[in-house]
Amino acid sequence: MSIFSVRLQEIREKRGFSRKEIADILEITPRAYQYYEEGKREPSYDKLVILAQQLNTSSDYLLGLSDTPR
């Protein structure tokens, strides 16, 4: 798995969101979101921004460019 997929799952769980809740926020199917966490797909830039905002973290953290979540 990529650092993105690992961090995405970890921070989602830490913030108390289900996969379905995040998928609904992103307006994608739960399966499509699951592919992000499995490292099979990567979100578009727009979806990455929404993920960072909703999960109260930085896109740099999700992408592995920073080790500080905020």
C-alpha atoms as a PDB file:
ATOM      1  CA  MET A   1       0.000   0.000   0.000  1.00  0.00           C
ATOM      2  CA  SER A   2       1.059   3.555  -0.623  1.00  0.00           C
ATOM      3  CA  ILE A   3       1.673   6.042   2.152  1.00  0.00           C
ATOM      4  CA  PHE A   4      -1.397   7.922   0.894  1.00  0.00           C
ATOM      5  CA  SER A   5      -3.719   4.948   1.307  1.00  0.00           C
ATOM      6  CA  VAL A   6      -2.338   4.080   4.759  1.00  0.00           C
ATOM      7  CA  ARG A   7      -2.598   7.641   6.041  1.00  0.00           C
ATOM      8  CA  LEU A   8      -6.028   8.132   4.520  1.00  0.00           C
ATOM      9  CA  GLN A   9      -7.425   5.116   6.347  1.00  0.00           C
ATOM     10  CA  GLU A  10      -5.677   5.992   9.613  1.00  0.00           C
ATOM     11  CA  ILE A  11      -6.880   9.587   9.713  1.00  0.00           C
ATOM     12  CA  ARG A  12     -10.408   8.665   8.615  1.00  0.00           C
ATOM     13  CA  GLU A  13     -10.681   6.194  11.478  1.00  0.00           C
ATOM     14  CA  LYS A  14      -9.094   8.645  13.930  1.00  0.00           C
ATOM     15  CA  ARG A  15     -11.655  11.289  12.972  1.00  0.00           C
ATOM     16  CA  GLY A  16     -14.514   8.792  13.378  1.00  0.00           C
ATOM     17  CA  PHE A  17     -15.787   8.665   9.785  1.00  0.00           C
ATOM     18  CA  SER A  18     -17.020   5.544   8.035  1.00  0.00           C
ATOM     19  CA  ARG A  19     -15.990   4.812   4.456  1.00  0.00           C
ATOM     20  CA  LYS A  20     -19.560   5.450   3.354  1.00  0.00           C
ATOM     21  CA  GLU A  21     -19.654   8.859   5.026  1.00  0.00           C
ATOM     22  CA  ILE A  22     -16.505   9.966   3.237  1.00  0.00           C
ATOM     23  CA  ALA A  23     -17.744   8.516  -0.059  1.00  0.00           C
ATOM     24  CA  ASP A  24     -20.975  10.492   0.329  1.00  0.00           C
ATOM     25  CA  ILE A  25     -19.012  13.692   1.000  1.00  0.00           C
ATOM     26  CA  LEU A  26     -16.910  13.053  -2.115  1.00  0.00           C
ATOM     27  CA  GLU A  27     -20.020  12.115  -4.119  1.00  0.00           C
ATOM     28  CA  ILE A  28     -18.532   8.786  -5.168  1.00  0.00           C
ATOM     29  CA  THR A  29     -19.504   5.197  -4.441  1.00  0.00           C
ATOM     30  CA  PRO A  30     -18.226   3.518  -1.280  1.00  0.00           C
ATOM     31  CA  ARG A  31     -16.382   1.030  -3.516  1.00  0.00           C
ATOM     32  CA  ALA A  32     -14.594   3.853  -5.359  1.00  0.00           C
ATOM     33  CA  TYR A  33     -13.517   5.284  -2.016  1.00  0.00           C
ATOM     34  CA  GLN A  34     -12.387   1.856  -0.848  1.00  0.00           C
ATOM     35  CA  TYR A  35     -10.051   1.758  -3.852  1.00  0.00           C
ATOM     36  CA  TYR A  36      -8.333   4.890  -2.471  1.00  0.00           C
ATOM     37  CA  GLU A  37      -7.663   3.119   0.815  1.00  0.00           C
ATOM     38  CA  GLU A  38      -6.501  -0.040  -0.956  1.00  0.00           C
ATOM     39  CA  GLY A  39      -4.072   1.932  -3.114  1.00  0.00           C
ATOM     40  CA  LYS A  40      -5.804   0.858  -6.328  1.00  0.00           C
ATOM     41  CA  ARG A  41      -6.826   4.396  -7.308  1.00  0.00           C
ATOM     42  CA  GLU A  42      -5.852   7.940  -6.445  1.00  0.00           C
ATOM     43  CA  PRO A  43      -8.253  10.844  -6.045  1.00  0.00           C
ATOM     44  CA  SER A  44      -8.347  13.811  -8.378  1.00  0.00           C
ATOM     45  CA  TYR A  45      -6.918  17.096  -7.134  1.00  0.00           C
ATOM     46  CA  ASP A  46     -10.431  18.335  -6.300  1.00  0.00           C
ATOM     47  CA  LYS A  47     -11.219  15.207  -4.270  1.00  0.00           C
ATOM     48  CA  LEU A  48      -7.873  15.433  -2.457  1.00  0.00           C
ATOM     49  CA  VAL A  49      -8.687  18.985  -1.355  1.00  0.00           C
ATOM     50  CA  ILE A  50     -12.108  17.878  -0.076  1.00  0.00           C
ATOM     51  CA  LEU A  51     -10.539  14.942   1.781  1.00  0.00           C
ATOM     52  CA  ALA A  52      -7.998  17.179   3.494  1.00  0.00           C
ATOM     53  CA  GLN A  53     -10.679  19.675   4.503  1.00  0.00           C
ATOM     54  CA  GLN A  54     -13.152  17.093   5.796  1.00  0.00           C
ATOM     55  CA  LEU A  55     -10.511  15.113   7.670  1.00  0.00           C
ATOM     56  CA  ASN A  56      -8.984  18.290   9.126  1.00  0.00           C
ATOM     57  CA  THR A  57      -5.510  17.531   7.838  1.00  0.00           C
ATOM     58  CA  SER A  58      -3.192  18.766   5.110  1.00  0.00           C
ATOM     59  CA  SER A  59      -2.876  17.323   1.656  1.00  0.00           C
ATOM     60  CA  ASP A  60       0.900  17.252   2.239  1.00  0.00           C
ATOM     61  CA  TYR A  61       0.356  14.875   5.155  1.00  0.00           C
ATOM     62  CA  LEU A  62      -1.929  12.610   3.120  1.00  0.00           C
ATOM     63  CA  LEU A  63       0.585  12.540   0.266  1.00  0.00           C
ATOM     64  CA  GLY A  64       3.535  11.786   2.546  1.00  0.00           C
ATOM     65  CA  LEU A  65       5.256  15.129   2.017  1.00  0.00           C
ATOM     66  CA  SER A  66       4.947  16.011   5.694  1.00  0.00           C
ATOM     67  CA  ASP A  67       4.820  13.957   8.863  1.00  0.00           C
ATOM     68  CA  THR A  68       2.663  16.532  10.644  1.00  0.00           C
ATOM     69  CA  PRO A  69      -1.066  15.940  10.205  1.00  0.00           C
ATOM     70  CA  ARG A  70      -1.894  19.638  10.513  1.00  0.00           C
END
